[in-house]
Amino acid sequence: MKKKPVNKKNNSSKFKRFLKILGPGLITGASDDDPSGIATYSQAGAKFGLATLWTALITFPLMASIQEMCARIGIVTTQGLTTNIRNNYPKSILYLMILFTFPAVILNIGADIAGMGAVGNLIFPSIPSYFFTIGFTGILMVLIIYLPYQKISAILKYLCVFLLLYLVVPFLGKQDWGDIAKHTFIPTIKFNKDFISILVAILGTTISPYLFFWQATMEVEDIQHKKRRLMVDKRMIHKMDMDVDFGMFFSNLVMFFIILTAGTVLFKGGITEINSVEQAAKALEPLAGKLSYLLFALGVLGTGFLAIPVLTGCLSYMLSETFNWNGGLDKKYYEAKPFYWVIIVSLLIGLAINYIGISPVQALIYTAILYGVTSPVLILIILHISNNKKVMGKFTNGKWSNILGGIALVLMTFSAALLIYFQFK
């Protein structure tokens, strides 16, 4: 039998179609690996070696299931999560969500700006870090305000490439892949405060409330931008599933490799305390070489530029939907001044956090606590909305969505209780 020739054009067109499908899900997943998340994963690897690698396998299906529900809610209702909560629940619940989510996201923005500034100073030591924090904040402000949604979306998709840098670093040195496989598929659990705290931090970093709001709203923006308010069908839902699953897989893959890098380089090098991304990058240089250090540092800058627009946009969409403001990244500044002023103010407050005595590490702890409190309540609401036939019609949750969502709810509730317990013990 003659083998059929490989149709390169057909393969190329399939790949291009797949790239077109990628959008809100990829950006949401990639933004989860922000500088504050990188600090968390670096600390996990530095302190416990490869012992937390297995968490990437656990968080992927849970994260994907929740984000898929949020995306489906956005597509079916053509409304963001905030609007759905406002329309279906008492206003007190919505205001409580805003009350707890806003400070957490602002602290997250501040921690990310601080991480970017510190890494900028590492690459160019002659320039103080505060010049970088102010400069990066100004650049982000201009880009978010003056670029239309489609350009912002395209830039964010390209910035995802920076995350690929973390997949390269472990291959720059020799690795014991048998040991890596063992810690990936056989969970290690140590029942002490430090280990449980880092597990809770990983959960809180990967399954974050701001991602829920952003995912649903971006699906709506995507529909409006493409002007395709067509009847929702299984094909549209399937494309959304592919986008979300790939985005969350990509996010967890990067998380896996950051823990792997810190676990095989820093932990083995005797550096077990990493409290910031610049410490992680700086510690890599003498142990793994200048190339590893530069790749890690550049990745921090790229992910900062990716995540901060998501964080500020999330806040702005939440307030706009709550108070019925005319807002959206597709609007020009003069068409949606309140929307953009929320972005401006959140960036300025995030920047100011770096100069009022709150360290990035403290900000991350406070952020984790606030996320830990809001996540279980939000997951419960998301499960309720996505199972409500009056809201979702025939596109309610399937069995596996409810099972995985239920597991996420239990784990996040348990982790929130543990986190609060350890903070006040």
Protein backbone atom coordinates (compact mmCIF):
# COMPACT_ATOMS: atom_id res chain seq x y z
CA MET A 1 0.00 0.00 0.00
CA LYS A 2 1.18 3.45 -0.88
CA LYS A 3 1.31 5.91 1.94
CA LYS A 4 -0.81 8.98 1.47
CA PRO A 5 1.32 12.09 1.11
CA VAL A 6 1.19 14.45 4.06
CA ASN A 7 -0.87 17.48 3.15
CA LYS A 8 1.18 20.29 4.66
CA LYS A 9 -1.29 22.97 3.56
CA ASN A 10 -4.13 21.13 5.28
CA ASN A 11 -2.11 20.77 8.49
CA SER A 12 -1.17 24.43 8.32
CA SER A 13 -4.79 25.52 7.88
CA LYS A 14 -5.86 23.32 10.81
CA PHE A 15 -3.21 24.93 12.99
CA LYS A 16 -4.32 28.41 11.93
CA ARG A 17 -7.96 27.55 12.72
CA PHE A 18 -6.87 26.32 16.16
CA LEU A 19 -4.95 29.56 16.79
CA LYS A 20 -8.08 31.54 15.89
CA ILE A 21 -10.08 29.59 18.47
CA LEU A 22 -7.61 30.57 21.20
CA GLY A 23 -8.57 33.81 22.91
CA PRO A 24 -10.16 34.55 26.30
CA GLY A 25 -9.30 31.12 27.73
CA LEU A 26 -5.61 31.33 26.78
CA ILE A 27 -5.26 34.90 28.09
CA THR A 28 -7.04 34.05 31.34
CA GLY A 29 -4.89 30.98 31.94
CA ALA A 30 -1.65 32.75 31.09
CA SER A 31 -2.47 35.77 33.28
CA ASP A 32 -2.77 33.41 36.24
CA ASP A 33 1.02 32.92 36.05
CA ASP A 34 1.65 36.54 37.05
CA PRO A 35 4.73 37.70 39.03
CA SER A 36 2.97 37.00 42.33
CA GLY A 37 2.12 33.49 41.15
CA ILE A 38 5.71 32.97 40.00
CA ALA A 39 6.89 33.97 43.50
CA THR A 40 4.53 31.40 45.06
CA TYR A 41 5.67 28.58 42.75
CA SER A 42 9.34 29.53 43.19
CA GLN A 43 8.95 29.39 46.97
CA ALA A 44 7.26 25.98 46.71
CA GLY A 45 10.17 24.57 44.69
CA ALA A 46 12.90 26.25 46.72
CA LYS A 47 11.52 25.17 50.10
CA PHE A 48 10.31 21.66 49.27
CA GLY A 49 12.17 20.65 46.12
CA LEU A 50 9.98 18.55 43.81
CA ALA A 51 7.48 17.63 46.53
CA THR A 52 4.71 19.90 45.17
CA LEU A 53 5.01 19.02 41.46
CA TRP A 54 1.91 16.82 41.68
CA THR A 55 -0.30 19.83 42.47
CA ALA A 56 -0.20 20.84 38.79
CA LEU A 57 -2.11 17.66 37.92
CA ILE A 58 -4.73 18.35 40.60
CA THR A 59 -5.31 22.05 39.92
CA PHE A 60 -5.65 21.68 36.12
CA PRO A 61 -9.05 19.87 35.95
CA LEU A 62 -10.47 21.91 38.85
CA MET A 63 -9.35 25.22 37.37
CA ALA A 64 -10.54 24.23 33.89
CA SER A 65 -14.00 23.19 35.14
CA ILE A 66 -14.65 26.48 36.98
CA GLN A 67 -13.35 28.64 34.13
CA GLU A 68 -15.41 26.65 31.61
CA MET A 69 -18.55 27.34 33.65
CA CYS A 70 -17.74 31.06 33.75
CA ALA A 71 -17.08 31.13 30.00
CA ARG A 72 -20.34 29.25 29.28
CA ILE A 73 -22.29 31.68 31.49
CA GLY A 74 -20.81 34.58 29.49
CA ILE A 75 -21.60 33.02 26.10
CA VAL A 76 -25.15 31.87 26.92
CA THR A 77 -26.31 34.97 28.80
CA THR A 78 -24.13 37.53 26.90
CA GLN A 79 -23.54 39.09 30.32
CA GLY A 80 -20.61 39.11 32.70
CA LEU A 81 -20.57 37.25 35.98
CA THR A 82 -21.23 40.45 37.96
CA THR A 83 -24.40 41.17 35.97
CA ASN A 84 -25.61 37.60 36.45
CA ILE A 85 -25.03 37.81 40.21
CA ARG A 86 -26.80 41.20 40.32
CA ASN A 87 -29.80 39.85 38.39
CA ASN A 88 -30.19 36.56 40.27
CA TYR A 89 -29.05 37.19 43.85
CA PRO A 90 -29.57 39.76 46.61
CA LYS A 91 -27.46 42.89 46.12
CA SER A 92 -25.86 42.29 49.51
CA ILE A 93 -24.05 39.22 48.05
CA LEU A 94 -22.75 41.26 45.12
CA TYR A 95 -21.52 44.06 47.37
CA LEU A 96 -19.78 41.57 49.67
CA MET A 97 -18.02 40.01 46.66
CA ILE A 98 -16.82 43.45 45.57
CA LEU A 99 -15.80 44.35 49.13
CA PHE A 100 -13.54 41.30 49.44
CA THR A 101 -12.37 41.04 45.81
CA PHE A 102 -11.32 44.68 45.29
CA PRO A 103 -8.66 44.88 48.04
CA ALA A 104 -7.26 41.49 47.00
CA VAL A 105 -6.91 42.48 43.34
CA ILE A 106 -5.41 45.89 44.22
CA LEU A 107 -2.81 44.17 46.44
CA ASN A 108 -2.14 41.71 43.61
CA ILE A 109 -1.57 44.61 41.19
CA GLY A 110 0.80 46.23 43.70
CA ALA A 111 2.76 43.00 44.18
CA ASP A 112 3.05 42.50 40.42
CA ILE A 113 4.26 46.08 39.81
CA ALA A 114 6.82 45.66 42.61
CA GLY A 115 8.06 42.37 41.12
CA MET A 116 8.44 43.91 37.66
CA GLY A 117 10.31 46.91 39.06
CA ALA A 118 12.67 44.77 41.10
CA VAL A 119 13.45 42.50 38.15
CA GLY A 120 14.00 45.54 35.90
CA ASN A 121 16.56 46.74 38.44
CA LEU A 122 18.26 43.32 38.36
CA ILE A 123 18.69 43.49 34.59
CA PHE A 124 19.80 47.16 34.70
CA PRO A 125 21.36 47.62 38.19
CA SER A 126 22.26 51.26 37.57
CA ILE A 127 18.57 52.22 37.35
CA PRO A 128 16.64 52.22 40.68
CA SER A 129 13.62 49.92 40.87
CA TYR A 130 11.21 52.81 41.54
CA PHE A 131 11.97 54.22 38.07
CA PHE A 132 10.86 50.90 36.60
CA THR A 133 7.69 50.65 38.72
CA ILE A 134 6.63 54.18 37.72
CA GLY A 135 7.62 53.63 34.09
CA PHE A 136 5.86 50.28 33.74
CA THR A 137 2.70 51.68 35.39
CA GLY A 138 2.68 54.61 32.95
CA ILE A 139 3.18 52.34 29.92
CA LEU A 140 0.37 50.02 31.05
CA MET A 141 -1.97 52.96 31.64
CA VAL A 142 -1.40 54.38 28.15
CA LEU A 143 -1.74 51.00 26.41
CA ILE A 144 -4.95 50.02 28.21
CA ILE A 145 -6.64 53.40 27.68
CA TYR A 146 -5.66 54.10 24.08
CA LEU A 147 -5.59 50.69 22.42
CA PRO A 148 -8.90 49.11 21.28
CA TYR A 149 -9.95 45.70 22.60
CA GLN A 150 -8.83 43.74 19.53
CA LYS A 151 -5.29 45.14 19.75
CA ILE A 152 -5.11 44.60 23.52
CA SER A 153 -6.32 41.02 23.00
CA ALA A 154 -3.72 40.40 20.29
CA ILE A 155 -0.91 41.86 22.45
CA LEU A 156 -1.96 39.74 25.43
CA LYS A 157 -1.96 36.61 23.26
CA TYR A 158 1.58 37.36 22.03
CA LEU A 159 2.75 38.07 25.57
CA CYS A 160 1.83 34.48 26.42
CA VAL A 161 4.99 33.53 24.51
CA PHE A 162 7.05 34.88 27.43
CA LEU A 163 5.71 32.06 29.56
CA LEU A 164 7.42 29.57 27.25
CA LEU A 165 10.73 30.81 28.68
CA TYR A 166 10.01 28.87 31.87
CA LEU A 167 9.73 25.65 29.88
CA VAL A 168 13.28 26.14 28.61
CA VAL A 169 15.17 26.78 31.88
CA PRO A 170 15.10 23.20 33.34
CA PHE A 171 16.56 21.80 30.10
CA LEU A 172 19.65 23.99 30.43
CA GLY A 173 21.03 21.56 33.01
CA LYS A 174 20.99 17.81 33.73
CA GLN A 175 17.80 16.45 35.28
CA ASP A 176 16.79 13.20 36.96
CA TRP A 177 13.60 12.65 34.97
CA GLY A 178 12.77 9.48 36.88
CA ASP A 179 12.66 11.42 40.14
CA ILE A 180 10.65 14.17 38.45
CA ALA A 181 8.09 11.62 37.19
CA LYS A 182 7.83 10.07 40.67
CA HIS A 183 7.02 13.42 42.34
CA THR A 184 4.62 14.32 39.51
CA PHE A 185 2.41 11.25 39.78
CA ILE A 186 2.86 10.24 43.44
CA PRO A 187 1.61 12.98 45.79
CA THR A 188 3.79 14.01 48.72
CA ILE A 189 2.04 15.55 51.73
CA LYS A 190 3.80 16.75 54.86
CA PHE A 191 1.54 17.58 57.78
CA ASN A 192 3.27 20.68 59.03
CA LYS A 193 2.42 24.38 58.92
CA ASP A 194 4.88 25.36 56.17
CA PHE A 195 3.94 22.60 53.74
CA ILE A 196 0.17 22.95 54.22
CA SER A 197 0.52 26.74 53.86
CA ILE A 198 2.30 26.39 50.52
CA LEU A 199 -0.37 23.95 49.27
CA VAL A 200 -3.06 26.47 50.27
CA ALA A 201 -1.10 29.25 48.54
CA ILE A 202 -0.85 27.20 45.32
CA LEU A 203 -4.60 26.54 45.34
CA GLY A 204 -5.38 30.21 46.01
CA THR A 205 -3.00 31.35 43.28
CA THR A 206 -4.36 29.04 40.60
CA ILE A 207 -8.10 29.25 41.40
CA SER A 208 -8.48 33.02 41.88
CA PRO A 209 -11.81 34.93 41.92
CA TYR A 210 -10.68 37.67 39.53
CA LEU A 211 -10.20 35.02 36.83
CA PHE A 212 -13.87 34.00 37.17
CA PHE A 213 -15.10 37.53 36.44
CA TRP A 214 -12.58 38.16 33.66
CA GLN A 215 -13.35 34.89 31.83
CA ALA A 216 -17.11 35.49 31.62
CA THR A 217 -16.73 39.13 30.60
CA MET A 218 -14.11 38.42 27.94
CA GLU A 219 -16.37 35.85 26.30
CA VAL A 220 -19.02 38.58 26.04
CA GLU A 221 -16.47 41.08 24.66
CA ASP A 222 -15.31 38.48 22.14
CA ILE A 223 -18.86 37.92 20.91
CA GLN A 224 -19.53 41.66 20.65
CA HIS A 225 -16.25 42.36 18.88
CA LYS A 226 -16.83 39.63 16.29
CA LYS A 227 -20.47 40.74 15.98
CA ARG A 228 -21.57 37.13 16.08
CA ARG A 229 -24.60 37.12 18.28
CA LEU A 230 -25.68 33.88 16.71
CA MET A 231 -27.77 31.20 18.30
CA VAL A 232 -25.59 29.43 20.85
CA ASP A 233 -24.95 25.86 19.70
CA LYS A 234 -22.79 22.89 20.66
CA ARG A 235 -20.12 23.88 18.15
CA MET A 236 -19.67 27.31 19.79
CA ILE A 237 -19.53 25.70 23.23
CA HIS A 238 -17.01 23.12 21.95
CA LYS A 239 -14.70 25.87 20.61
CA MET A 240 -14.95 27.66 23.94
CA ASP A 241 -14.09 24.40 25.75
CA MET A 242 -10.98 23.97 23.59
CA ASP A 243 -9.86 27.53 24.31
CA VAL A 244 -10.42 27.25 28.08
CA ASP A 245 -8.86 23.78 28.37
CA PHE A 246 -5.77 24.82 26.41
CA GLY A 247 -5.43 28.04 28.45
CA MET A 248 -5.68 26.25 31.78
CA PHE A 249 -3.35 23.45 30.61
CA PHE A 250 -0.81 26.05 29.50
CA SER A 251 -1.11 27.83 32.85
CA ASN A 252 -0.53 24.65 34.85
CA LEU A 253 2.30 23.52 32.57
CA VAL A 254 4.14 26.78 33.27
CA MET A 255 3.43 26.38 37.00
CA PHE A 256 4.89 22.86 36.83
CA PHE A 257 8.10 24.06 35.17
CA ILE A 258 8.59 26.97 37.58
CA ILE A 259 8.34 24.59 40.55
CA LEU A 260 10.67 22.21 38.66
CA THR A 261 13.22 24.99 38.04
CA ALA A 262 13.22 26.14 41.66
CA GLY A 263 13.17 22.56 42.97
CA THR A 264 16.12 21.33 40.91
CA VAL A 265 18.25 24.48 40.99
CA LEU A 266 17.50 26.51 44.13
CA PHE A 267 16.54 23.69 46.52
CA LYS A 268 19.54 21.58 45.53
CA GLY A 269 21.74 24.67 45.77
CA GLY A 270 20.73 25.17 49.41
CA ILE A 271 18.53 28.24 48.76
CA THR A 272 15.25 27.41 50.48
CA GLU A 273 13.74 30.82 51.21
CA ILE A 274 12.42 32.80 48.24
CA ASN A 275 10.08 35.65 49.09
CA SER A 276 9.97 37.48 45.77
CA VAL A 277 10.48 36.95 42.04
CA GLU A 278 13.69 38.99 41.97
CA GLN A 279 15.19 36.74 44.66
CA ALA A 280 14.31 33.71 42.55
CA ALA A 281 15.88 35.23 39.43
CA LYS A 282 18.99 36.44 41.27
CA ALA A 283 19.52 33.08 42.97
CA LEU A 284 19.43 31.30 39.61
CA GLU A 285 22.40 33.21 38.15
CA PRO A 286 25.29 31.63 40.12
CA LEU A 287 23.67 28.19 40.16
CA ALA A 288 22.27 27.81 36.64
CA GLY A 289 24.11 30.45 34.65
CA LYS A 290 23.36 33.90 33.27
CA LEU A 291 21.07 32.62 30.51
CA SER A 292 18.70 30.93 32.99
CA TYR A 293 18.68 34.07 35.11
CA LEU A 294 17.87 36.35 32.14
CA LEU A 295 15.14 34.03 30.81
CA PHE A 296 13.50 33.88 34.25
CA ALA A 297 13.69 37.67 34.66
CA LEU A 298 12.31 38.40 31.17
CA GLY A 299 9.47 36.01 31.88
CA VAL A 300 8.52 38.04 34.96
CA LEU A 301 8.33 41.26 32.92
CA GLY A 302 6.28 39.60 30.18
CA THR A 303 3.81 38.05 32.59
CA GLY A 304 3.46 41.34 34.45
CA PHE A 305 2.44 43.12 31.25
CA LEU A 306 0.04 40.24 30.58
CA ALA A 307 -1.56 39.97 34.04
CA ILE A 308 -1.95 43.59 35.15
CA PRO A 309 -4.37 44.57 32.31
CA VAL A 310 -6.43 41.49 33.27
CA LEU A 311 -6.45 42.49 36.97
CA THR A 312 -7.35 46.14 36.35
CA GLY A 313 -9.87 45.21 33.65
CA CYS A 314 -11.55 42.77 36.01
CA LEU A 315 -12.11 45.52 38.61
CA SER A 316 -13.42 47.96 36.03
CA TYR A 317 -15.86 45.47 34.52
CA MET A 318 -17.13 44.52 37.97
CA LEU A 319 -17.97 48.13 38.90
CA SER A 320 -19.35 48.93 35.44
CA GLU A 321 -21.71 45.95 35.55
CA THR A 322 -22.71 46.69 39.15
CA PHE A 323 -23.64 50.34 38.51
CA ASN A 324 -24.68 50.03 34.84
CA TRP A 325 -21.87 52.23 33.53
CA ASN A 326 -21.15 52.31 29.83
CA GLY A 327 -17.85 50.46 29.82
CA GLY A 328 -15.63 48.02 27.99
CA LEU A 329 -12.17 47.75 26.49
CA ASP A 330 -13.75 48.18 23.04
CA LYS A 331 -14.93 51.69 24.03
CA LYS A 332 -12.86 54.84 23.61
CA TYR A 333 -11.91 56.84 26.71
CA TYR A 334 -14.47 59.62 26.12
CA GLU A 335 -17.23 56.99 25.70
CA ALA A 336 -16.52 55.23 29.03
CA LYS A 337 -14.71 57.63 31.37
CA PRO A 338 -15.83 55.94 34.66
CA PHE A 339 -14.70 52.55 33.30
CA TYR A 340 -11.21 53.82 32.48
CA TRP A 341 -10.90 55.86 35.66
CA VAL A 342 -11.28 52.64 37.68
CA ILE A 343 -8.32 51.25 35.72
CA ILE A 344 -6.28 54.43 36.28
CA VAL A 345 -7.03 54.60 40.01
CA SER A 346 -6.37 50.87 40.56
CA LEU A 347 -2.98 51.20 38.84
CA LEU A 348 -2.07 54.26 40.92
CA ILE A 349 -3.12 52.61 44.20
CA GLY A 350 -1.21 49.45 43.23
CA LEU A 351 1.85 51.59 42.54
CA ALA A 352 1.41 53.51 45.82
CA ILE A 353 1.37 50.27 47.84
CA ASN A 354 5.07 49.96 47.08
CA TYR A 355 5.78 53.25 48.86
CA ILE A 356 3.62 53.01 51.99
CA GLY A 357 5.44 50.25 53.80
CA ILE A 358 3.51 47.15 52.65
CA SER A 359 6.04 44.66 51.30
CA PRO A 360 5.16 42.55 48.23
CA VAL A 361 5.33 39.44 50.44
CA GLN A 362 2.79 40.91 52.89
CA ALA A 363 0.60 41.90 49.95
CA LEU A 364 0.67 38.32 48.64
CA ILE A 365 -0.33 36.94 52.06
CA TYR A 366 -3.22 39.39 52.40
CA THR A 367 -4.27 38.66 48.81
CA ALA A 368 -4.31 34.91 49.46
CA ILE A 369 -6.45 35.38 52.59
CA LEU A 370 -8.99 37.57 50.78
CA TYR A 371 -9.09 35.23 47.75
CA GLY A 372 -9.48 32.30 50.13
CA VAL A 373 -12.54 33.89 51.73
CA THR A 374 -14.28 34.82 48.45
CA SER A 375 -13.43 31.80 46.28
CA PRO A 376 -15.72 29.23 47.97
CA VAL A 377 -18.71 31.61 47.93
CA LEU A 378 -18.13 32.50 44.28
CA ILE A 379 -17.69 28.87 43.24
CA LEU A 380 -20.98 28.04 44.94
CA ILE A 381 -22.71 30.89 43.05
CA ILE A 382 -21.14 29.83 39.75
CA LEU A 383 -22.32 26.25 40.29
CA HIS A 384 -25.82 27.51 41.07
CA ILE A 385 -26.02 29.79 38.00
CA SER A 386 -24.60 27.19 35.62
CA ASN A 387 -27.19 24.64 36.82
CA ASN A 388 -30.11 27.08 36.59
CA LYS A 389 -32.22 26.22 33.52
CA LYS A 390 -33.96 29.61 33.64
CA VAL A 391 -30.60 31.27 33.08
CA MET A 392 -28.68 28.68 31.05
CA GLY A 393 -31.47 26.93 29.14
CA LYS A 394 -30.22 23.63 27.73
CA PHE A 395 -26.58 24.54 28.43
CA THR A 396 -26.56 23.71 32.12
CA ASN A 397 -23.72 21.75 33.71
CA GLY A 398 -23.02 18.16 32.84
CA LYS A 399 -22.19 15.50 35.42
CA TRP A 400 -18.42 15.98 35.30
CA SER A 401 -18.68 19.77 35.54
CA ASN A 402 -20.65 19.39 38.76
CA ILE A 403 -18.31 16.75 40.17
CA LEU A 404 -15.15 18.76 39.48
CA GLY A 405 -16.85 21.99 40.57
CA GLY A 406 -17.94 20.31 43.80
CA ILE A 407 -14.39 19.09 44.48
CA ALA A 408 -13.06 22.61 43.84
CA LEU A 409 -15.65 24.02 46.25
CA VAL A 410 -14.70 21.57 49.03
CA LEU A 411 -10.95 22.07 48.51
CA MET A 412 -11.19 25.88 48.41
CA THR A 413 -13.40 25.95 51.52
CA PHE A 414 -10.99 23.67 53.35
CA SER A 415 -7.96 25.67 52.17
CA ALA A 416 -9.58 28.96 53.24
CA ALA A 417 -10.19 27.56 56.74
CA LEU A 418 -6.60 26.26 56.92
CA LEU A 419 -5.17 29.54 55.67
CA ILE A 420 -7.05 31.58 58.27
CA TYR A 421 -6.15 29.06 60.99
CA PHE A 422 -2.42 29.23 60.19
CA GLN A 423 -2.42 33.03 60.03
CA PHE A 424 -3.91 33.41 63.50
CA LYS A 425 -2.40 30.33 65.18
